[in-house]
């Protein structure tokens, strides 16, 4: 009869000890292991803007389409720029004729003696020929600009990538320099792992990394490429006098800041469609990191 209470106490102590040991092991692993659930897939997003203004007359792509560098995206009305090129060609022809006339005139006067024309007249004719030459070169440059503007009415993809959030359509008016669509560079995907600051000492450049996406079972492999050297201090903004506006309230519970760590992907499988903004778990592996 006396053994039963002792057995109950022993079982209770054993279960409690196992729970404490397990909790401590889990806490130690969470605090000291270089991993984070706060990971994001990122990519270079190219904001595409037309180099000339005008009305969109045709679209060559649709939303989420894969395009290659140099592919036509949309076309702007060419008529105005064709007229400008015709005018520039006409100015080139006129300035060329004037240049030839002034050059021949200067050559004839240079052969005449001083008893026929004065030196001043001869020098003026040479200056007029030089000015005509300069106007001709200016007309050629204006013609090149007109050709470039006409060519830029066709907006083309700057990189290989995916059209995303397409919001421009035939009939829209586009302004030069104002972005109208975005292209996600398919060759620029990387991962940002936001690690707590107390884990940064466990990370080293070049450490191998395993990326576990929420949408795929197959993990990705990569390595640490760089670490951010600064984050925003929200508790210490700039005041009106450009001085530090120090927050007088201190929270006793201090949360570790998260610092972005950039991870370069070694290889992306063809059957794994990545999208910028995906969440993932980033686990640093390797001897240098202590795992």
C-alpha atoms as a PDB file:
ATOM      1  CA  UNK A   1       0.000   0.000   0.000  1.00  0.00           C
ATOM      2  CA  UNK A   2       2.845   2.381   0.688  1.00  0.00           C
ATOM      3  CA  UNK A   3       4.410   1.770  -2.712  1.00  0.00           C
ATOM      4  CA  UNK A   4       1.468   3.225  -4.613  1.00  0.00           C
ATOM      5  CA  UNK A   5       1.915   6.853  -3.392  1.00  0.00           C
ATOM      6  CA  UNK A   6       5.660   6.627  -3.986  1.00  0.00           C
ATOM      7  CA  UNK A   7       5.047   5.334  -7.490  1.00  0.00           C
ATOM      8  CA  UNK A   8       2.626   8.195  -8.204  1.00  0.00           C
ATOM      9  CA  UNK A   9       5.139  10.732  -6.926  1.00  0.00           C
ATOM     10  CA  UNK A  10       7.927   9.170  -9.010  1.00  0.00           C
ATOM     11  CA  UNK A  11       5.799   9.251 -12.164  1.00  0.00           C
ATOM     12  CA  UNK A  12       4.829  12.881 -11.504  1.00  0.00           C
ATOM     13  CA  UNK A  13       8.440  13.911 -10.929  1.00  0.00           C
ATOM     14  CA  UNK A  14       9.556  12.039 -14.036  1.00  0.00           C
ATOM     15  CA  UNK A  15       6.890  13.624 -16.242  1.00  0.00           C
ATOM     16  CA  UNK A  16       7.595  17.075 -14.818  1.00  0.00           C
ATOM     17  CA  UNK A  17      11.353  16.648 -15.321  1.00  0.00           C
ATOM     18  CA  UNK A  18      10.846  15.459 -18.900  1.00  0.00           C
ATOM     19  CA  UNK A  19       8.613  18.469 -19.599  1.00  0.00           C
ATOM     20  CA  UNK A  20      11.208  20.857 -18.143  1.00  0.00           C
ATOM     21  CA  UNK A  21      14.055  19.264 -20.108  1.00  0.00           C
ATOM     22  CA  UNK A  22      12.011  19.264 -23.331  1.00  0.00           C
ATOM     23  CA  UNK A  23      10.944  22.882 -22.839  1.00  0.00           C
ATOM     24  CA  UNK A  24      14.520  23.946 -22.130  1.00  0.00           C
ATOM     25  CA  UNK A  25      15.793  22.081 -25.196  1.00  0.00           C
ATOM     26  CA  UNK A  26      13.123  23.670 -27.403  1.00  0.00           C
ATOM     27  CA  UNK A  27      13.814  27.123 -25.953  1.00  0.00           C
ATOM     28  CA  UNK A  28      17.564  26.695 -26.483  1.00  0.00           C
ATOM     29  CA  UNK A  29      17.029  25.493 -30.046  1.00  0.00           C
ATOM     30  CA  UNK A  30      14.729  28.414 -30.803  1.00  0.00           C
ATOM     31  CA  UNK A  31      17.069  30.978 -29.280  1.00  0.00           C
ATOM     32  CA  UNK A  32      20.385  29.616 -30.541  1.00  0.00           C
ATOM     33  CA  UNK A  33      19.595  27.983 -33.876  1.00  0.00           C
ATOM     34  CA  UNK A  34      20.081  30.189 -36.947  1.00  0.00           C
ATOM     35  CA  UNK A  35      16.655  29.902 -38.557  1.00  0.00           C
ATOM     36  CA  UNK A  36      13.622  32.093 -39.025  1.00  0.00           C
ATOM     37  CA  UNK A  37      10.090  31.713 -40.276  1.00  0.00           C
ATOM     38  CA  UNK A  38      10.095  35.347 -41.355  1.00  0.00           C
ATOM     39  CA  UNK A  39      11.475  34.935 -44.870  1.00  0.00           C
ATOM     40  CA  UNK A  40      10.372  36.587 -48.093  1.00  0.00           C
ATOM     41  CA  UNK A  41      11.033  35.808 -51.738  1.00  0.00           C
ATOM     42  CA  UNK A  42      12.174  38.960 -53.523  1.00  0.00           C
ATOM     43  CA  UNK A  43      13.008  39.913 -57.102  1.00  0.00           C
ATOM     44  CA  UNK A  44      13.968  42.956 -59.134  1.00  0.00           C
ATOM     45  CA  UNK A  45      10.819  44.710 -60.343  1.00  0.00           C
ATOM     46  CA  UNK A  46      11.493  46.895 -63.399  1.00  0.00           C
ATOM     47  CA  UNK A  47       9.113  49.842 -63.758  1.00  0.00           C
ATOM     48  CA  UNK A  48       8.685  50.282 -67.499  1.00  0.00           C
ATOM     49  CA  UNK A  49       7.977  53.799 -68.768  1.00  0.00           C
ATOM     50  CA  UNK A  50       7.677  55.125 -72.296  1.00  0.00           C
ATOM     51  CA  UNK A  51      10.428  57.442 -73.505  1.00  0.00           C
ATOM     52  CA  UNK A  52       7.923  59.514 -75.536  1.00  0.00           C
ATOM     53  CA  UNK A  53       4.375  60.666 -74.863  1.00  0.00           C
ATOM     54  CA  UNK A  54       1.319  59.669 -76.837  1.00  0.00           C
ATOM     55  CA  UNK A  55      -1.712  57.429 -77.115  1.00  0.00           C
ATOM     56  CA  UNK A  56      -1.317  53.665 -76.880  1.00  0.00           C
ATOM     57  CA  UNK A  57      -2.573  52.191 -80.158  1.00  0.00           C
ATOM     58  CA  UNK A  58      -1.890  48.501 -79.511  1.00  0.00           C
ATOM     59  CA  UNK A  59      -0.884  46.110 -76.732  1.00  0.00           C
ATOM     60  CA  UNK A  60       1.366  43.148 -77.511  1.00  0.00           C
ATOM     61  CA  UNK A  61       1.258  41.460 -74.091  1.00  0.00           C
ATOM     62  CA  UNK A  62      -1.243  40.394 -71.465  1.00  0.00           C
ATOM     63  CA  UNK A  63      -1.114  40.209 -67.685  1.00  0.00           C
ATOM     64  CA  UNK A  64       1.307  37.670 -66.131  1.00  0.00           C
ATOM     65  CA  UNK A  65       2.863  36.865 -69.518  1.00  0.00           C
ATOM     66  CA  UNK A  66       6.484  35.768 -69.799  1.00  0.00           C
ATOM     67  CA  UNK A  67       8.443  38.120 -72.047  1.00  0.00           C
ATOM     68  CA  UNK A  68      12.037  38.159 -73.205  1.00  0.00           C
ATOM     69  CA  UNK A  69      14.396  41.090 -73.452  1.00  0.00           C
ATOM     70  CA  UNK A  70      13.547  43.117 -76.550  1.00  0.00           C
ATOM     71  CA  UNK A  71       9.985  41.807 -76.942  1.00  0.00           C
ATOM     72  CA  UNK A  72       7.398  44.410 -77.912  1.00  0.00           C
ATOM     73  CA  UNK A  73       5.159  45.462 -75.008  1.00  0.00           C
ATOM     74  CA  UNK A  74       2.992  48.199 -76.496  1.00  0.00           C
ATOM     75  CA  UNK A  75       3.045  50.744 -79.311  1.00  0.00           C
ATOM     76  CA  UNK A  76       2.425  54.488 -79.104  1.00  0.00           C
ATOM     77  CA  UNK A  77       0.835  56.467 -81.947  1.00  0.00           C
ATOM     78  CA  UNK A  78       3.648  57.014 -84.473  1.00  0.00           C
ATOM     79  CA  UNK A  79       2.043  59.647 -86.728  1.00  0.00           C
ATOM     80  CA  UNK A  80       3.199  62.746 -84.848  1.00  0.00           C
ATOM     81  CA  UNK A  81       6.761  61.429 -84.602  1.00  0.00           C
ATOM     82  CA  UNK A  82       6.770  60.455 -88.278  1.00  0.00           C
ATOM     83  CA  UNK A  83       5.815  64.032 -89.162  1.00  0.00           C
ATOM     84  CA  UNK A  84       8.609  65.299 -86.905  1.00  0.00           C
ATOM     85  CA  UNK A  85      11.083  63.033 -88.711  1.00  0.00           C
ATOM     86  CA  UNK A  86       9.878  64.311 -92.109  1.00  0.00           C
ATOM     87  CA  UNK A  87      10.391  67.886 -90.930  1.00  0.00           C
ATOM     88  CA  UNK A  88      13.868  67.027 -89.662  1.00  0.00           C
ATOM     89  CA  UNK A  89      14.786  65.434 -93.006  1.00  0.00           C
ATOM     90  CA  UNK A  90      13.571  68.561 -94.806  1.00  0.00           C
ATOM     91  CA  UNK A  91      15.721  70.757 -92.573  1.00  0.00           C
ATOM     92  CA  UNK A  92      18.712  68.534 -93.298  1.00  0.00           C
ATOM     93  CA  UNK A  93      18.155  68.914 -97.041  1.00  0.00           C
ATOM     94  CA  UNK A  94      17.747  72.703 -96.771  1.00  0.00           C
ATOM     95  CA  UNK A  95      20.777  73.159 -94.539  1.00  0.00           C
ATOM     96  CA  UNK A  96      22.832  70.931 -96.799  1.00  0.00           C
ATOM     97  CA  UNK A  97      21.940  73.069 -99.825  1.00  0.00           C
ATOM     98  CA  UNK A  98      22.786  76.240 -97.897  1.00  0.00           C
ATOM     99  CA  UNK A  99      26.077  74.731 -96.768  1.00  0.00           C
ATOM    100  CA  UNK A 100      27.061  73.879-100.359  1.00  0.00           C
ATOM    101  CA  UNK A 101      26.100  77.343-101.562  1.00  0.00           C
ATOM    102  CA  UNK A 102      28.096  79.079 -98.813  1.00  0.00           C
ATOM    103  CA  UNK A 103      31.068  76.783 -99.323  1.00  0.00           C
ATOM    104  CA  UNK A 104      31.196  77.420-103.080  1.00  0.00           C
ATOM    105  CA  UNK A 105      30.733  81.131-102.520  1.00  0.00           C
ATOM    106  CA  UNK A 106      33.647  81.188-100.057  1.00  0.00           C
ATOM    107  CA  UNK A 107      35.847  79.244-102.501  1.00  0.00           C
ATOM    108  CA  UNK A 108      35.100  81.678-105.363  1.00  0.00           C
ATOM    109  CA  UNK A 109      35.778  84.744-103.263  1.00  0.00           C
ATOM    110  CA  UNK A 110      38.996  83.279-101.896  1.00  0.00           C
ATOM    111  CA  UNK A 111      40.312  83.132-105.493  1.00  0.00           C
ATOM    112  CA  UNK A 112      39.523  86.783-106.240  1.00  0.00           C
ATOM    113  CA  UNK A 113      42.228  89.366-105.818  1.00  0.00           C
ATOM    114  CA  UNK A 114      42.251  92.261-103.416  1.00  0.00           C
ATOM    115  CA  UNK A 115      41.391  94.721-106.185  1.00  0.00           C
ATOM    116  CA  UNK A 116      38.018  92.981-106.771  1.00  0.00           C
ATOM    117  CA  UNK A 117      36.728  92.356-103.190  1.00  0.00           C
ATOM    118  CA  UNK A 118      37.935  93.473 -99.819  1.00  0.00           C
ATOM    119  CA  UNK A 119      39.523  91.217 -97.224  1.00  0.00           C
ATOM    120  CA  UNK A 120      36.542  91.814 -94.980  1.00  0.00           C
ATOM    121  CA  UNK A 121      34.144  90.441 -97.583  1.00  0.00           C
ATOM    122  CA  UNK A 122      36.367  87.424 -98.129  1.00  0.00           C
ATOM    123  CA  UNK A 123      36.528  86.709 -94.365  1.00  0.00           C
ATOM    124  CA  UNK A 124      32.750  87.149 -94.013  1.00  0.00           C
ATOM    125  CA  UNK A 125      32.123  84.566 -96.719  1.00  0.00           C
ATOM    126  CA  UNK A 126      34.357  82.069 -94.908  1.00  0.00           C
ATOM    127  CA  UNK A 127      32.508  82.717 -91.647  1.00  0.00           C
ATOM    128  CA  UNK A 128      29.156  82.254 -93.377  1.00  0.00           C
ATOM    129  CA  UNK A 129      30.376  78.941 -94.798  1.00  0.00           C
ATOM    130  CA  UNK A 130      31.434  77.789 -91.301  1.00  0.00           C
ATOM    131  CA  UNK A 131      28.057  78.830 -89.874  1.00  0.00           C
ATOM    132  CA  UNK A 132      26.255  76.922 -92.634  1.00  0.00           C
ATOM    133  CA  UNK A 133      28.355  73.849 -91.817  1.00  0.00           C
ATOM    134  CA  UNK A 134      27.363  74.119 -88.149  1.00  0.00           C
ATOM    135  CA  UNK A 135      23.668  74.474 -89.017  1.00  0.00           C
ATOM    136  CA  UNK A 136      23.921  71.400 -91.210  1.00  0.00           C
ATOM    137  CA  UNK A 137      25.400  69.349 -88.348  1.00  0.00           C
ATOM    138  CA  UNK A 138      22.690  70.659 -86.016  1.00  0.00           C
ATOM    139  CA  UNK A 139      20.034  69.550 -88.506  1.00  0.00           C
ATOM    140  CA  UNK A 140      21.631  66.086 -88.689  1.00  0.00           C
ATOM    141  CA  UNK A 141      21.540  65.807 -84.887  1.00  0.00           C
ATOM    142  CA  UNK A 142      17.884  66.875 -84.812  1.00  0.00           C
ATOM    143  CA  UNK A 143      17.158  64.248 -87.438  1.00  0.00           C
ATOM    144  CA  UNK A 144      18.818  61.562 -85.302  1.00  0.00           C
ATOM    145  CA  UNK A 145      16.673  62.651 -82.331  1.00  0.00           C
ATOM    146  CA  UNK A 146      13.533  62.422 -84.474  1.00  0.00           C
ATOM    147  CA  UNK A 147      14.522  58.912 -85.610  1.00  0.00           C
ATOM    148  CA  UNK A 148      15.135  57.895 -82.004  1.00  0.00           C
ATOM    149  CA  UNK A 149      11.754  59.261 -80.880  1.00  0.00           C
ATOM    150  CA  UNK A 150      10.023  57.387 -83.684  1.00  0.00           C
ATOM    151  CA  UNK A 151      11.798  54.170 -82.712  1.00  0.00           C
ATOM    152  CA  UNK A 152      10.912  54.700 -79.043  1.00  0.00           C
ATOM    153  CA  UNK A 153       7.182  54.634 -79.875  1.00  0.00           C
ATOM    154  CA  UNK A 154       7.637  50.871 -79.611  1.00  0.00           C
ATOM    155  CA  UNK A 155       8.156  50.096 -75.909  1.00  0.00           C
ATOM    156  CA  UNK A 156      10.079  46.852 -75.438  1.00  0.00           C
ATOM    157  CA  UNK A 157      10.914  44.612 -72.494  1.00  0.00           C
ATOM    158  CA  UNK A 158      14.180  45.611 -70.759  1.00  0.00           C
ATOM    159  CA  UNK A 159      14.791  42.123 -69.264  1.00  0.00           C
ATOM    160  CA  UNK A 160      13.501  38.566 -69.341  1.00  0.00           C
ATOM    161  CA  UNK A 161      10.614  38.469 -66.929  1.00  0.00           C
ATOM    162  CA  UNK A 162       6.909  38.426 -66.190  1.00  0.00           C
ATOM    163  CA  UNK A 163       4.380  41.175 -66.796  1.00  0.00           C
ATOM    164  CA  UNK A 164       2.595  41.849 -63.524  1.00  0.00           C
ATOM    165  CA  UNK A 165      -0.394  43.967 -62.527  1.00  0.00           C
ATOM    166  CA  UNK A 166      -0.936  45.192 -66.086  1.00  0.00           C
ATOM    167  CA  UNK A 167      -2.992  48.390 -66.011  1.00  0.00           C
ATOM    168  CA  UNK A 168      -2.356  49.982 -69.423  1.00  0.00           C
ATOM    169  CA  UNK A 169      -4.592  49.348 -72.419  1.00  0.00           C
ATOM    170  CA  UNK A 170      -5.037  50.516 -75.983  1.00  0.00           C
ATOM    171  CA  UNK A 171      -6.422  54.055 -75.953  1.00  0.00           C
ATOM    172  CA  UNK A 172      -4.639  55.123 -72.762  1.00  0.00           C
ATOM    173  CA  UNK A 173      -2.421  58.190 -72.927  1.00  0.00           C
ATOM    174  CA  UNK A 174       1.086  57.657 -71.613  1.00  0.00           C
ATOM    175  CA  UNK A 175       3.468  60.385 -70.504  1.00  0.00           C
ATOM    176  CA  UNK A 176       7.199  60.118 -71.065  1.00  0.00           C
ATOM    177  CA  UNK A 177       9.006  58.965 -67.942  1.00  0.00           C
ATOM    178  CA  UNK A 178       5.873  57.824 -66.083  1.00  0.00           C
ATOM    179  CA  UNK A 179       5.892  54.073 -65.368  1.00  0.00           C
ATOM    180  CA  UNK A 180       2.906  52.231 -66.838  1.00  0.00           C
ATOM    181  CA  UNK A 181       3.676  48.567 -66.144  1.00  0.00           C
ATOM    182  CA  UNK A 182       6.054  46.364 -64.198  1.00  0.00           C
ATOM    183  CA  UNK A 183       8.255  43.462 -65.278  1.00  0.00           C
ATOM    184  CA  UNK A 184       9.512  41.011 -62.642  1.00  0.00           C
ATOM    185  CA  UNK A 185      13.022  39.949 -63.660  1.00  0.00           C
ATOM    186  CA  UNK A 186      12.913  36.148 -63.825  1.00  0.00           C
ATOM    187  CA  UNK A 187      16.685  35.880 -63.299  1.00  0.00           C
ATOM    188  CA  UNK A 188      16.867  38.024 -60.158  1.00  0.00           C
ATOM    189  CA  UNK A 189      14.983  36.061 -57.487  1.00  0.00           C
ATOM    190  CA  UNK A 190      16.551  35.983 -54.058  1.00  0.00           C
ATOM    191  CA  UNK A 191      15.350  35.514 -50.457  1.00  0.00           C
ATOM    192  CA  UNK A 192      15.405  37.902 -47.536  1.00  0.00           C
ATOM    193  CA  UNK A 193      15.532  36.176 -44.151  1.00  0.00           C
ATOM    194  CA  UNK A 194      14.678  38.535 -41.297  1.00  0.00           C
ATOM    195  CA  UNK A 195      16.799  37.151 -38.445  1.00  0.00           C
ATOM    196  CA  UNK A 196      16.623  38.305 -34.851  1.00  0.00           C
ATOM    197  CA  UNK A 197      19.644  40.335 -33.835  1.00  0.00           C
ATOM    198  CA  UNK A 198      20.694  37.824 -31.179  1.00  0.00           C
ATOM    199  CA  UNK A 199      21.199  35.218 -33.908  1.00  0.00           C
ATOM    200  CA  UNK A 200      23.424  37.276 -36.192  1.00  0.00           C
ATOM    201  CA  UNK A 201      26.572  36.036 -34.472  1.00  0.00           C
ATOM    202  CA  UNK A 202      25.713  32.542 -35.747  1.00  0.00           C
ATOM    203  CA  UNK A 203      25.610  33.676 -39.387  1.00  0.00           C
ATOM    204  CA  UNK A 204      28.553  33.998 -41.778  1.00  0.00           C
ATOM    205  CA  UNK A 205      28.848  35.004 -45.399  1.00  0.00           C
ATOM    206  CA  UNK A 206      28.753  31.942 -47.617  1.00  0.00           C
ATOM    207  CA  UNK A 207      26.933  29.700 -45.121  1.00  0.00           C
ATOM    208  CA  UNK A 208      24.642  27.203 -46.913  1.00  0.00           C
ATOM    209  CA  UNK A 209      20.938  27.873 -46.484  1.00  0.00           C
ATOM    210  CA  UNK A 210      17.805  25.790 -46.938  1.00  0.00           C
ATOM    211  CA  UNK A 211      14.627  27.643 -47.953  1.00  0.00           C
ATOM    212  CA  UNK A 212      11.306  25.960 -47.214  1.00  0.00           C
ATOM    213  CA  UNK A 213       8.412  27.546 -49.076  1.00  0.00           C
ATOM    214  CA  UNK A 214       4.873  27.264 -47.799  1.00  0.00           C
ATOM    215  CA  UNK A 215       3.553  26.266 -51.219  1.00  0.00           C
ATOM    216  CA  UNK A 216       6.121  23.581 -52.153  1.00  0.00           C
ATOM    217  CA  UNK A 217       7.478  20.551 -50.355  1.00  0.00           C
ATOM    218  CA  UNK A 218      10.791  20.576 -52.197  1.00  0.00           C
ATOM    219  CA  UNK A 219      13.183  22.995 -50.450  1.00  0.00           C
ATOM    220  CA  UNK A 220      15.458  25.430 -52.242  1.00  0.00           C
ATOM    221  CA  UNK A 221      19.163  25.725 -51.563  1.00  0.00           C
ATOM    222  CA  UNK A 222      21.213  28.877 -51.371  1.00  0.00           C
ATOM    223  CA  UNK A 223      23.887  30.662 -49.406  1.00  0.00           C
ATOM    224  CA  UNK A 224      24.202  33.857 -47.422  1.00  0.00           C
ATOM    225  CA  UNK A 225      25.245  36.638 -49.771  1.00  0.00           C
ATOM    226  CA  UNK A 226      25.152  39.688 -47.519  1.00  0.00           C
ATOM    227  CA  UNK A 227      23.671  41.202 -44.359  1.00  0.00           C
ATOM    228  CA  UNK A 228      21.944  44.524 -43.990  1.00  0.00           C
ATOM    229  CA  UNK A 229      23.896  47.210 -42.140  1.00  0.00           C
ATOM    230  CA  UNK A 230      20.997  49.349 -41.027  1.00  0.00           C
ATOM    231  CA  UNK A 231      17.292  49.309 -40.146  1.00  0.00           C
ATOM    232  CA  UNK A 232      14.901  52.121 -39.252  1.00  0.00           C
ATOM    233  CA  UNK A 233      14.675  53.159 -35.602  1.00  0.00           C
ATOM    234  CA  UNK A 234      10.968  53.882 -35.208  1.00  0.00           C
ATOM    235  CA  UNK A 235      11.409  55.037 -31.595  1.00  0.00           C
ATOM    236  CA  UNK A 236      13.850  57.787 -32.542  1.00  0.00           C
ATOM    237  CA  UNK A 237      12.479  59.848 -35.443  1.00  0.00           C
ATOM    238  CA  UNK A 238      13.743  63.280 -36.437  1.00  0.00           C
ATOM    239  CA  UNK A 239      12.003  66.186 -34.710  1.00  0.00           C
ATOM    240  CA  UNK A 240      10.910  69.501 -36.162  1.00  0.00           C
ATOM    241  CA  UNK A 241      14.267  71.098 -35.340  1.00  0.00           C
ATOM    242  CA  UNK A 242      16.086  68.199 -37.059  1.00  0.00           C
ATOM    243  CA  UNK A 243      17.085  66.862 -33.635  1.00  0.00           C
ATOM    244  CA  UNK A 244      16.532  63.357 -32.331  1.00  0.00           C
ATOM    245  CA  UNK A 245      12.987  62.987 -30.969  1.00  0.00           C
ATOM    246  CA  UNK A 246      13.702  60.510 -28.154  1.00  0.00           C
ATOM    247  CA  UNK A 247      10.754  58.492 -26.889  1.00  0.00           C
ATOM    248  CA  UNK A 248      10.568  58.981 -23.079  1.00  0.00           C
ATOM    249  CA  UNK A 249       8.615  55.721 -22.614  1.00  0.00           C
ATOM    250  CA  UNK A 250      10.637  52.520 -22.195  1.00  0.00           C
ATOM    251  CA  UNK A 251       9.039  49.117 -22.591  1.00  0.00           C
ATOM    252  CA  UNK A 252      10.353  46.571 -20.121  1.00  0.00           C
ATOM    253  CA  UNK A 253       9.681  43.764 -22.593  1.00  0.00           C
ATOM    254  CA  UNK A 254      12.279  44.258 -25.289  1.00  0.00           C
ATOM    255  CA  UNK A 255      11.841  42.371 -28.547  1.00  0.00           C
ATOM    256  CA  UNK A 256      14.883  41.553 -30.602  1.00  0.00           C
ATOM    257  CA  UNK A 257      15.092  43.590 -33.782  1.00  0.00           C
ATOM    258  CA  UNK A 258      15.003  41.686 -37.047  1.00  0.00           C
ATOM    259  CA  UNK A 259      17.789  42.370 -39.535  1.00  0.00           C
ATOM    260  CA  UNK A 260      17.470  41.451 -43.237  1.00  0.00           C
ATOM    261  CA  UNK A 261      19.925  38.795 -44.434  1.00  0.00           C
ATOM    262  CA  UNK A 262      20.122  38.341 -48.202  1.00  0.00           C
ATOM    263  CA  UNK A 263      20.248  34.759 -49.474  1.00  0.00           C
ATOM    264  CA  UNK A 264      21.327  33.962 -53.018  1.00  0.00           C
ATOM    265  CA  UNK A 265      19.520  31.010 -54.589  1.00  0.00           C
ATOM    266  CA  UNK A 266      21.811  28.372 -56.063  1.00  0.00           C
ATOM    267  CA  UNK A 267      19.235  26.970 -58.506  1.00  0.00           C
ATOM    268  CA  UNK A 268      15.514  27.326 -59.152  1.00  0.00           C
ATOM    269  CA  UNK A 269      13.728  24.230 -60.523  1.00  0.00           C
ATOM    270  CA  UNK A 270      11.790  24.755 -63.733  1.00  0.00           C
ATOM    271  CA  UNK A 271       8.580  23.398 -62.167  1.00  0.00           C
ATOM    272  CA  UNK A 272       8.687  25.836 -59.235  1.00  0.00           C
ATOM    273  CA  UNK A 273       6.990  29.133 -60.171  1.00  0.00           C
ATOM    274  CA  UNK A 274       8.339  31.677 -57.706  1.00  0.00           C
ATOM    275  CA  UNK A 275       6.541  34.930 -57.034  1.00  0.00           C
ATOM    276  CA  UNK A 276       7.982  37.953 -55.299  1.00  0.00           C
ATOM    277  CA  UNK A 277       6.414  38.278 -51.854  1.00  0.00           C
ATOM    278  CA  UNK A 278       6.111  34.554 -51.057  1.00  0.00           C
ATOM    279  CA  UNK A 279       6.772  33.627 -47.433  1.00  0.00           C
ATOM    280  CA  UNK A 280       9.238  30.954 -46.438  1.00  0.00           C
ATOM    281  CA  UNK A 281      11.307  29.510 -43.619  1.00  0.00           C
ATOM    282  CA  UNK A 282      15.054  30.119 -43.824  1.00  0.00           C
ATOM    283  CA  UNK A 283      17.350  27.600 -42.113  1.00  0.00           C
ATOM    284  CA  UNK A 284      21.106  28.184 -42.088  1.00  0.00           C
ATOM    285  CA  UNK A 285      23.149  25.004 -42.241  1.00  0.00           C
ATOM    286  CA  UNK A 286      26.841  24.231 -42.178  1.00  0.00           C
ATOM    287  CA  UNK A 287      29.717  23.855 -39.733  1.00  0.00           C
ATOM    288  CA  UNK A 288      30.491  27.549 -39.530  1.00  0.00           C
ATOM    289  CA  UNK A 289      27.024  28.375 -38.240  1.00  0.00           C
ATOM    290  CA  UNK A 290      27.196  25.714 -35.541  1.00  0.00           C
ATOM    291  CA  UNK A 291      24.367  23.527 -36.862  1.00  0.00           C
END
